[in-house]
Amino acid sequence: MPLINIIITLVVAGVGLWAINKYIPMAKPIKNIINIVVVLVLVLWLLQVFGIIGSVNSIRVR
């Protein structure tokens, strides 16, 4: 995946998260949960893109 696509994805996710935090009124704990989930998903995605972890599809939970 080209570096520009990674940067664009991170910028779009950051702007989206900023817009949610700034313009959507909701309780602070809910915003914190959304922030944590988005950051975790982005970190896992980056680790997968750079090949540090394998495909998330191969992970099985029983």
C-alpha atoms as a PDB file:
ATOM      1  CA  MET A   1       0.000   0.000   0.000  1.00  0.00           C
ATOM      2  CA  PRO A   2       1.467   3.355  -0.989  1.00  0.00           C
ATOM      3  CA  LEU A   3       2.461   5.711   1.794  1.00  0.00           C
ATOM      4  CA  ILE A   4       0.153   8.458   0.504  1.00  0.00           C
ATOM      5  CA  ASN A   5      -2.874   6.168   0.968  1.00  0.00           C
ATOM      6  CA  ILE A   6      -1.845   5.472   4.562  1.00  0.00           C
ATOM      7  CA  ILE A   7      -1.440   9.186   5.273  1.00  0.00           C
ATOM      8  CA  ILE A   8      -4.784  10.049   3.656  1.00  0.00           C
ATOM      9  CA  THR A   9      -6.535   7.338   5.682  1.00  0.00           C
ATOM     10  CA  LEU A  10      -5.004   8.613   8.931  1.00  0.00           C
ATOM     11  CA  VAL A  11      -5.950  12.211   8.117  1.00  0.00           C
ATOM     12  CA  VAL A  12      -9.537  11.266   7.240  1.00  0.00           C
ATOM     13  CA  ALA A  13      -9.857   9.216  10.433  1.00  0.00           C
ATOM     14  CA  GLY A  14      -8.399  12.065  12.486  1.00  0.00           C
ATOM     15  CA  VAL A  15     -10.699  14.670  10.968  1.00  0.00           C
ATOM     16  CA  GLY A  16     -13.677  12.361  11.461  1.00  0.00           C
ATOM     17  CA  LEU A  17     -12.784  11.775  15.093  1.00  0.00           C
ATOM     18  CA  TRP A  18     -12.254  15.495  15.629  1.00  0.00           C
ATOM     19  CA  ALA A  19     -15.652  16.269  14.068  1.00  0.00           C
ATOM     20  CA  ILE A  20     -17.375  13.702  16.273  1.00  0.00           C
ATOM     21  CA  ASN A  21     -15.698  15.119  19.385  1.00  0.00           C
ATOM     22  CA  LYS A  22     -16.388  18.741  18.433  1.00  0.00           C
ATOM     23  CA  TYR A  23     -19.869  18.746  16.919  1.00  0.00           C
ATOM     24  CA  ILE A  24     -21.821  15.747  18.223  1.00  0.00           C
ATOM     25  CA  PRO A  25     -23.112  16.290  21.734  1.00  0.00           C
ATOM     26  CA  MET A  26     -22.756  13.207  23.906  1.00  0.00           C
ATOM     27  CA  ALA A  27     -21.505  12.240  27.327  1.00  0.00           C
ATOM     28  CA  LYS A  28     -17.749  12.419  27.935  1.00  0.00           C
ATOM     29  CA  PRO A  29     -17.394   8.679  28.781  1.00  0.00           C
ATOM     30  CA  ILE A  30     -18.998   7.718  25.468  1.00  0.00           C
ATOM     31  CA  LYS A  31     -16.642  10.017  23.565  1.00  0.00           C
ATOM     32  CA  ASN A  32     -13.699   8.458  25.401  1.00  0.00           C
ATOM     33  CA  ILE A  33     -14.847   4.958  24.423  1.00  0.00           C
ATOM     34  CA  ILE A  34     -15.237   6.007  20.777  1.00  0.00           C
ATOM     35  CA  ASN A  35     -11.756   7.590  20.814  1.00  0.00           C
ATOM     36  CA  ILE A  36     -10.171   4.473  22.300  1.00  0.00           C
ATOM     37  CA  VAL A  37     -11.898   2.148  19.827  1.00  0.00           C
ATOM     38  CA  VAL A  38     -10.906   4.270  16.816  1.00  0.00           C
ATOM     39  CA  VAL A  39      -7.287   4.527  17.952  1.00  0.00           C
ATOM     40  CA  LEU A  40      -7.070   0.765  18.611  1.00  0.00           C
ATOM     41  CA  VAL A  41      -8.536  -0.038  15.200  1.00  0.00           C
ATOM     42  CA  LEU A  42      -6.091   2.343  13.510  1.00  0.00           C
ATOM     43  CA  VAL A  43      -3.118   0.894  15.408  1.00  0.00           C
ATOM     44  CA  LEU A  44      -4.114  -2.663  14.457  1.00  0.00           C
ATOM     45  CA  TRP A  45      -4.615  -1.586  10.846  1.00  0.00           C
ATOM     46  CA  LEU A  46      -1.179   0.100  10.745  1.00  0.00           C
ATOM     47  CA  LEU A  47       0.490  -2.958  12.271  1.00  0.00           C
ATOM     48  CA  GLN A  48      -1.149  -5.113   9.616  1.00  0.00           C
ATOM     49  CA  VAL A  49      -0.228  -2.722   6.773  1.00  0.00           C
ATOM     50  CA  PHE A  50       3.434  -2.687   7.798  1.00  0.00           C
ATOM     51  CA  GLY A  51       3.486  -6.467   8.205  1.00  0.00           C
ATOM     52  CA  ILE A  52       4.166  -6.544  11.930  1.00  0.00           C
ATOM     53  CA  ILE A  53       1.118  -8.692  12.552  1.00  0.00           C
ATOM     54  CA  GLY A  54      -0.516 -11.118  10.180  1.00  0.00           C
ATOM     55  CA  SER A  55      -3.960 -10.874   8.724  1.00  0.00           C
ATOM     56  CA  VAL A  56      -6.676 -10.146  11.253  1.00  0.00           C
ATOM     57  CA  ASN A  57      -8.912 -12.591   9.363  1.00  0.00           C
ATOM     58  CA  SER A  58      -6.684 -15.466  10.457  1.00  0.00           C
ATOM     59  CA  ILE A  59      -7.273 -14.760  14.158  1.00  0.00           C
ATOM     60  CA  ARG A  60      -9.857 -17.108  15.652  1.00  0.00           C
ATOM     61  CA  VAL A  61     -11.739 -16.534  18.881  1.00  0.00           C
ATOM     62  CA  ARG A  62     -13.528 -19.498  20.421  1.00  0.00           C
END
